[in-house]
Structure formats: structure tokens, C-alpha cells
Amino acid sequence: MDLTIPGGMGGKEAIKHLLELDPQARAIVSSGYSNDPVMAEFRSYGFRGVVAKPYEIGELARALREVIESD
């Protein structure tokens, strides 16, 4: 999920809603704002993974694999 969506619901708010619907939901946060506290403490906001922009496909694949394989 993108952390910041101009004029829309960003990842921080969206993950709260998703976890209310399904506490087992798994999401990865992504942003170009690497100094945002959500990026540093992503788990405390409900995300299971993080990928900083810009990223390469290998980085995204690694994050997806880690999230899918985690308990």
C-alpha cells in the first residue's frame, strides 16, 4: 500500500480499516518518504512488510515472499 495518496486514503488509514475487517490481513507499506515514522515502525501500524521507493522488482519480490511465508 502506498503510504501517501494525494486527495485520497493513504496506507496508514487503509490498513486500520482492513484489519478491522480481517485481523489476519497482510499488507506491505511503500513510500518515497523514508523518514516517515510508519516506514521505520511499520509493524506497529499493522503492516507486515516495507519497501522504500524507488524499488526494484527483486526488493518487492523479497518483501512479498517474507510476508507470505511469515506466520
PDB file of N, CA and C in Angstrom:
ATOM      1  N   MET A   1       0.836  -1.169   0.000  1.00  0.00           N
ATOM      2  CA  MET A   1       0.000   0.000   0.000  1.00  0.00           C
ATOM      3  C   MET A   1       0.880   1.230   0.000  1.00  0.00           C
ATOM      4  N   ASP A   2       0.502   2.207  -0.779  1.00  0.00           N
ATOM      5  CA  ASP A   2       1.233   3.458  -0.783  1.00  0.00           C
ATOM      6  C   ASP A   2       0.847   4.239   0.464  1.00  0.00           C
ATOM      7  N   LEU A   3       1.830   4.762   1.143  1.00  0.00           N
ATOM      8  CA  LEU A   3       1.597   5.476   2.386  1.00  0.00           C
ATOM      9  C   LEU A   3       0.847   6.781   2.159  1.00  0.00           C
ATOM     10  N   THR A   4       1.145   7.467   1.061  1.00  0.00           N
ATOM     11  CA  THR A   4       0.548   8.770   0.792  1.00  0.00           C
ATOM     12  C   THR A   4      -0.179   8.750  -0.547  1.00  0.00           C
ATOM     13  N   ILE A   5      -1.465   9.090  -0.502  1.00  0.00           N
ATOM     14  CA  ILE A   5      -2.269   9.204  -1.719  1.00  0.00           C
ATOM     15  C   ILE A   5      -2.840  10.620  -1.735  1.00  0.00           C
ATOM     16  N   PRO A   6      -2.314  11.504  -2.577  1.00  0.00           N
ATOM     17  CA  PRO A   6      -2.836  12.872  -2.615  1.00  0.00           C
ATOM     18  C   PRO A   6      -4.350  12.883  -2.867  1.00  0.00           C
ATOM     19  N   GLY A   7      -5.072  13.507  -1.970  1.00  0.00           N
ATOM     20  CA  GLY A   7      -6.523  13.622  -2.119  1.00  0.00           C
ATOM     21  C   GLY A   7      -7.281  12.346  -1.812  1.00  0.00           C
ATOM     22  N   GLY A   8      -6.606  11.325  -1.295  1.00  0.00           N
ATOM     23  CA  GLY A   8      -7.275  10.058  -1.026  1.00  0.00           C
ATOM     24  C   GLY A   8      -6.825   9.432   0.278  1.00  0.00           C
ATOM     25  N   MET A   9      -7.287   8.227   0.511  1.00  0.00           N
ATOM     26  CA  MET A   9      -6.944   7.498   1.721  1.00  0.00           C
ATOM     27  C   MET A   9      -5.580   6.838   1.546  1.00  0.00           C
ATOM     28  N   GLY A  10      -4.651   7.175   2.409  1.00  0.00           N
ATOM     29  CA  GLY A  10      -3.326   6.589   2.363  1.00  0.00           C
ATOM     30  C   GLY A  10      -3.279   5.256   3.085  1.00  0.00           C
ATOM     31  N   GLY A  11      -2.142   4.621   3.025  1.00  0.00           N
ATOM     32  CA  GLY A  11      -1.971   3.296   3.598  1.00  0.00           C
ATOM     33  C   GLY A  11      -2.189   3.224   5.093  1.00  0.00           C
ATOM     34  N   LYS A  12      -1.783   4.254   5.833  1.00  0.00           N
ATOM     35  CA  LYS A  12      -1.926   4.252   7.286  1.00  0.00           C
ATOM     36  C   LYS A  12      -3.389   4.129   7.699  1.00  0.00           C
ATOM     37  N   GLU A  13      -4.245   4.879   7.031  1.00  0.00           N
ATOM     38  CA  GLU A  13      -5.682   4.814   7.332  1.00  0.00           C
ATOM     39  C   GLU A  13      -6.308   3.540   6.755  1.00  0.00           C
ATOM     40  N   ALA A  14      -5.893   3.164   5.554  1.00  0.00           N
ATOM     41  CA  ALA A  14      -6.470   1.992   4.898  1.00  0.00           C
ATOM     42  C   ALA A  14      -6.195   0.705   5.672  1.00  0.00           C
ATOM     43  N   ILE A  15      -4.980   0.556   6.217  1.00  0.00           N
ATOM     44  CA  ILE A  15      -4.665  -0.679   6.937  1.00  0.00           C
ATOM     45  C   ILE A  15      -5.504  -0.798   8.204  1.00  0.00           C
ATOM     46  N   LYS A  16      -5.827   0.319   8.838  1.00  0.00           N
ATOM     47  CA  LYS A  16      -6.693   0.276  10.023  1.00  0.00           C
ATOM     48  C   LYS A  16      -8.047  -0.314   9.657  1.00  0.00           C
ATOM     49  N   HIS A  17      -8.611   0.148   8.551  1.00  0.00           N
ATOM     50  CA  HIS A  17      -9.913  -0.364   8.099  1.00  0.00           C
ATOM     51  C   HIS A  17      -9.827  -1.844   7.704  1.00  0.00           C
ATOM     52  N   LEU A  18      -8.778  -2.202   6.976  1.00  0.00           N
ATOM     53  CA  LEU A  18      -8.619  -3.599   6.556  1.00  0.00           C
ATOM     54  C   LEU A  18      -8.500  -4.543   7.757  1.00  0.00           C
ATOM     55  N   LEU A  19      -7.728  -4.143   8.754  1.00  0.00           N
ATOM     56  CA  LEU A  19      -7.537  -5.005   9.925  1.00  0.00           C
ATOM     57  C   LEU A  19      -8.804  -5.116  10.767  1.00  0.00           C
ATOM     58  N   GLU A  20      -9.673  -4.107  10.701  1.00  0.00           N
ATOM     59  CA  GLU A  20     -10.979  -4.213  11.365  1.00  0.00           C
ATOM     60  C   GLU A  20     -11.822  -5.278  10.690  1.00  0.00           C
ATOM     61  N   LEU A  21     -11.747  -5.352   9.376  1.00  0.00           N
ATOM     62  CA  LEU A  21     -12.498  -6.347   8.616  1.00  0.00           C
ATOM     63  C   LEU A  21     -11.879  -7.732   8.728  1.00  0.00           C
ATOM     64  N   ASP A  22     -10.550  -7.779   8.704  1.00  0.00           N
ATOM     65  CA  ASP A  22      -9.832  -9.053   8.759  1.00  0.00           C
ATOM     66  C   ASP A  22      -8.528  -8.870   9.520  1.00  0.00           C
ATOM     67  N   PRO A  23      -8.518  -9.226  10.798  1.00  0.00           N
ATOM     68  CA  PRO A  23      -7.305  -9.057  11.605  1.00  0.00           C
ATOM     69  C   PRO A  23      -6.100  -9.844  11.087  1.00  0.00           C
ATOM     70  N   GLN A  24      -6.311 -10.789  10.195  1.00  0.00           N
ATOM     71  CA  GLN A  24      -5.216 -11.577   9.627  1.00  0.00           C
ATOM     72  C   GLN A  24      -4.717 -11.010   8.293  1.00  0.00           C
ATOM     73  N   ALA A  25      -5.256  -9.867   7.873  1.00  0.00           N
ATOM     74  CA  ALA A  25      -4.840  -9.259   6.603  1.00  0.00           C
ATOM     75  C   ALA A  25      -3.343  -8.976   6.621  1.00  0.00           C
ATOM     76  N   ARG A  26      -2.715  -9.130   5.479  1.00  0.00           N
ATOM     77  CA  ARG A  26      -1.278  -8.877   5.343  1.00  0.00           C
ATOM     78  C   ARG A  26      -1.083  -7.788   4.300  1.00  0.00           C
ATOM     79  N   ALA A  27      -0.328  -6.770   4.669  1.00  0.00           N
ATOM     80  CA  ALA A  27      -0.082  -5.653   3.752  1.00  0.00           C
ATOM     81  C   ALA A  27       1.354  -5.180   3.883  1.00  0.00           C
ATOM     82  N   ILE A  28       1.854  -4.686   2.775  1.00  0.00           N
ATOM     83  CA  ILE A  28       3.194  -4.114   2.713  1.00  0.00           C
ATOM     84  C   ILE A  28       3.028  -2.625   2.450  1.00  0.00           C
ATOM     85  N   VAL A  29       3.728  -1.802   3.214  1.00  0.00           N
ATOM     86  CA  VAL A  29       3.679  -0.359   3.022  1.00  0.00           C
ATOM     87  C   VAL A  29       4.842   0.069   2.137  1.00  0.00           C
ATOM     88  N   SER A  30       4.591   1.075   1.313  1.00  0.00           N
ATOM     89  CA  SER A  30       5.625   1.597   0.435  1.00  0.00           C
ATOM     90  C   SER A  30       5.508   3.112   0.381  1.00  0.00           C
ATOM     91  N   SER A  31       6.653   3.774   0.346  1.00  0.00           N
ATOM     92  CA  SER A  31       6.664   5.228   0.261  1.00  0.00           C
ATOM     93  C   SER A  31       8.028   5.714  -0.172  1.00  0.00           C
ATOM     94  N   GLY A  32       8.052   6.881  -0.760  1.00  0.00           N
ATOM     95  CA  GLY A  32       9.297   7.556  -1.076  1.00  0.00           C
ATOM     96  C   GLY A  32       9.766   8.417   0.080  1.00  0.00           C
ATOM     97  N   TYR A  33       8.915   8.537   1.101  1.00  0.00           N
ATOM     98  CA  TYR A  33       9.252   9.323   2.294  1.00  0.00           C
ATOM     99  C   TYR A  33       9.826   8.386   3.349  1.00  0.00           C
ATOM    100  N   SER A  34      11.095   8.055   3.199  1.00  0.00           N
ATOM    101  CA  SER A  34      11.713   7.060   4.076  1.00  0.00           C
ATOM    102  C   SER A  34      11.848   7.534   5.514  1.00  0.00           C
ATOM    103  N   ASN A  35      11.732   8.838   5.781  1.00  0.00           N
ATOM    104  CA  ASN A  35      11.826   9.339   7.146  1.00  0.00           C
ATOM    105  C   ASN A  35      10.485   9.338   7.872  1.00  0.00           C
ATOM    106  N   ASP A  36       9.424   8.881   7.215  1.00  0.00           N
ATOM    107  CA  ASP A  36       8.111   8.799   7.861  1.00  0.00           C
ATOM    108  C   ASP A  36       8.149   7.725   8.932  1.00  0.00           C
ATOM    109  N   PRO A  37       7.617   7.996  10.129  1.00  0.00           N
ATOM    110  CA  PRO A  37       7.643   7.016  11.212  1.00  0.00           C
ATOM    111  C   PRO A  37       6.981   5.679  10.851  1.00  0.00           C
ATOM    112  N   VAL A  38       6.008   5.697   9.980  1.00  0.00           N
ATOM    113  CA  VAL A  38       5.342   4.454   9.580  1.00  0.00           C
ATOM    114  C   VAL A  38       6.332   3.533   8.880  1.00  0.00           C
ATOM    115  N   MET A  39       7.237   4.095   8.101  1.00  0.00           N
ATOM    116  CA  MET A  39       8.220   3.280   7.391  1.00  0.00           C
ATOM    117  C   MET A  39       9.195   2.625   8.369  1.00  0.00           C
ATOM    118  N   ALA A  40       9.559   3.330   9.409  1.00  0.00           N
ATOM    119  CA  ALA A  40      10.509   2.805  10.388  1.00  0.00           C
ATOM    120  C   ALA A  40       9.865   1.811  11.349  1.00  0.00           C
ATOM    121  N   GLU A  41       8.619   2.040  11.684  1.00  0.00           N
ATOM    122  CA  GLU A  41       7.909   1.216  12.678  1.00  0.00           C
ATOM    123  C   GLU A  41       6.678   0.564  12.055  1.00  0.00           C
ATOM    124  N   PHE A  42       6.831   0.044  10.845  1.00  0.00           N
ATOM    125  CA  PHE A  42       5.684  -0.443  10.070  1.00  0.00           C
ATOM    126  C   PHE A  42       4.848  -1.487  10.803  1.00  0.00           C
ATOM    127  N   ARG A  43       5.475  -2.345  11.570  1.00  0.00           N
ATOM    128  CA  ARG A  43       4.719  -3.391  12.274  1.00  0.00           C
ATOM    129  C   ARG A  43       3.761  -2.807  13.316  1.00  0.00           C
ATOM    130  N   SER A  44       4.170  -1.745  13.961  1.00  0.00           N
ATOM    131  CA  SER A  44       3.303  -1.155  14.985  1.00  0.00           C
ATOM    132  C   SER A  44       2.080  -0.478  14.372  1.00  0.00           C
ATOM    133  N   TYR A  45       2.089  -0.276  13.069  1.00  0.00           N
ATOM    134  CA  TYR A  45       0.938   0.289  12.369  1.00  0.00           C
ATOM    135  C   TYR A  45       0.090  -0.790  11.697  1.00  0.00           C
ATOM    136  N   GLY A  46       0.498  -2.039  11.817  1.00  0.00           N
ATOM    137  CA  GLY A  46      -0.287  -3.136  11.263  1.00  0.00           C
ATOM    138  C   GLY A  46       0.220  -3.712   9.957  1.00  0.00           C
ATOM    139  N   PHE A  47       1.294  -3.153   9.414  1.00  0.00           N
ATOM    140  CA  PHE A  47       1.854  -3.680   8.170  1.00  0.00           C
ATOM    141  C   PHE A  47       2.765  -4.857   8.474  1.00  0.00           C
ATOM    142  N   ARG A  48       2.896  -5.745   7.518  1.00  0.00           N
ATOM    143  CA  ARG A  48       3.757  -6.924   7.679  1.00  0.00           C
ATOM    144  C   ARG A  48       5.091  -6.784   6.966  1.00  0.00           C
ATOM    145  N   GLY A  49       5.201  -5.786   6.096  1.00  0.00           N
ATOM    146  CA  GLY A  49       6.436  -5.578   5.362  1.00  0.00           C
ATOM    147  C   GLY A  49       6.562  -4.137   4.914  1.00  0.00           C
ATOM    148  N   VAL A  50       7.740  -3.788   4.413  1.00  0.00           N
ATOM    149  CA  VAL A  50       8.007  -2.423   3.970  1.00  0.00           C
ATOM    150  C   VAL A  50       8.934  -2.452   2.760  1.00  0.00           C
ATOM    151  N   VAL A  51       8.679  -1.564   1.809  1.00  0.00           N
ATOM    152  CA  VAL A  51       9.534  -1.396   0.635  1.00  0.00           C
ATOM    153  C   VAL A  51       9.616   0.104   0.362  1.00  0.00           C
ATOM    154  N   ALA A  52      10.830   0.635   0.398  1.00  0.00           N
ATOM    155  CA  ALA A  52      11.030   2.063   0.139  1.00  0.00           C
ATOM    156  C   ALA A  52      11.112   2.321  -1.363  1.00  0.00           C
ATOM    157  N   LYS A  53      10.500   3.413  -1.794  1.00  0.00           N
ATOM    158  CA  LYS A  53      10.566   3.827  -3.199  1.00  0.00           C
ATOM    159  C   LYS A  53      11.812   4.668  -3.410  1.00  0.00           C
ATOM    160  N   PRO A  54      12.398   4.639  -4.557  1.00  0.00           N
ATOM    161  CA  PRO A  54      12.095   3.706  -5.647  1.00  0.00           C
ATOM    162  C   PRO A  54      12.675   2.338  -5.319  1.00  0.00           C
ATOM    163  N   TYR A  55      11.999   1.311  -5.759  1.00  0.00           N
ATOM    164  CA  TYR A  55      12.472  -0.048  -5.501  1.00  0.00           C
ATOM    165  C   TYR A  55      12.536  -0.825  -6.802  1.00  0.00           C
ATOM    166  N   GLU A  56      13.306  -1.874  -6.745  1.00  0.00           N
ATOM    167  CA  GLU A  56      13.415  -2.767  -7.900  1.00  0.00           C
ATOM    168  C   GLU A  56      12.544  -3.991  -7.653  1.00  0.00           C
ATOM    169  N   ILE A  57      12.207  -4.685  -8.703  1.00  0.00           N
ATOM    170  CA  ILE A  57      11.301  -5.831  -8.611  1.00  0.00           C
ATOM    171  C   ILE A  57      11.824  -6.888  -7.634  1.00  0.00           C
ATOM    172  N   GLY A  58      13.124  -7.048  -7.558  1.00  0.00           N
ATOM    173  CA  GLY A  58      13.699  -8.020  -6.632  1.00  0.00           C
ATOM    174  C   GLY A  58      13.412  -7.673  -5.179  1.00  0.00           C
ATOM    175  N   GLU A  59      13.437  -6.388  -4.850  1.00  0.00           N
ATOM    176  CA  GLU A  59      13.128  -5.947  -3.492  1.00  0.00           C
ATOM    177  C   GLU A  59      11.669  -6.220  -3.155  1.00  0.00           C
ATOM    178  N   LEU A  60      10.786  -5.938  -4.102  1.00  0.00           N
ATOM    179  CA  LEU A  60       9.367  -6.201  -3.888  1.00  0.00           C
ATOM    180  C   LEU A  60       9.120  -7.701  -3.761  1.00  0.00           C
ATOM    181  N   ALA A  61       9.773  -8.490  -4.593  1.00  0.00           N
ATOM    182  CA  ALA A  61       9.618  -9.945  -4.537  1.00  0.00           C
ATOM    183  C   ALA A  61      10.066 -10.491  -3.182  1.00  0.00           C
ATOM    184  N   ARG A  62      11.186  -9.974  -2.666  1.00  0.00           N
ATOM    185  CA  ARG A  62      11.681 -10.407  -1.360  1.00  0.00           C
ATOM    186  C   ARG A  62      10.666 -10.071  -0.266  1.00  0.00           C
ATOM    187  N   ALA A  63      10.130  -8.845  -0.283  1.00  0.00           N
ATOM    188  CA  ALA A  63       9.155  -8.436   0.728  1.00  0.00           C
ATOM    189  C   ALA A  63       7.890  -9.299   0.641  1.00  0.00           C
ATOM    190  N   LEU A  64       7.424  -9.552  -0.566  1.00  0.00           N
ATOM    191  CA  LEU A  64       6.237 -10.398  -0.741  1.00  0.00           C
ATOM    192  C   LEU A  64       6.479 -11.814  -0.205  1.00  0.00           C
ATOM    193  N   ARG A  65       7.626 -12.369  -0.529  1.00  0.00           N
ATOM    194  CA  ARG A  65       7.971 -13.704  -0.070  1.00  0.00           C
ATOM    195  C   ARG A  65       7.995 -13.764   1.468  1.00  0.00           C
ATOM    196  N   GLU A  66       8.624 -12.773   2.085  1.00  0.00           N
ATOM    197  CA  GLU A  66       8.704 -12.732   3.544  1.00  0.00           C
ATOM    198  C   GLU A  66       7.324 -12.636   4.183  1.00  0.00           C
ATOM    199  N   VAL A  67       6.466 -11.820   3.618  1.00  0.00           N
ATOM    200  CA  VAL A  67       5.122 -11.642   4.171  1.00  0.00           C
ATOM    201  C   VAL A  67       4.284 -12.899   3.981  1.00  0.00           C
ATOM    202  N   ILE A  68       4.371 -13.500   2.815  1.00  0.00           N
ATOM    203  CA  ILE A  68       3.590 -14.711   2.535  1.00  0.00           C
ATOM    204  C   ILE A  68       4.037 -15.864   3.415  1.00  0.00           C
ATOM    205  N   GLU A  69       5.339 -15.983   3.648  1.00  0.00           N
ATOM    206  CA  GLU A  69       5.870 -17.103   4.410  1.00  0.00           C
ATOM    207  C   GLU A  69       5.839 -16.886   5.927  1.00  0.00           C
ATOM    208  N   SER A  70       5.534 -15.655   6.365  1.00  0.00           N
ATOM    209  CA  SER A  70       5.521 -15.374   7.809  1.00  0.00           C
ATOM    210  C   SER A  70       4.257 -15.937   8.465  1.00  0.00           C
ATOM    211  N   ASP A  71       4.372 -16.182   9.738  1.00  0.00           N
ATOM    212  CA  ASP A  71       3.207 -16.670  10.487  1.00  0.00           C
ATOM    213  C   ASP A  71       2.499 -15.537  11.168  1.00  0.00           C
TER     214      ASP A  71
END
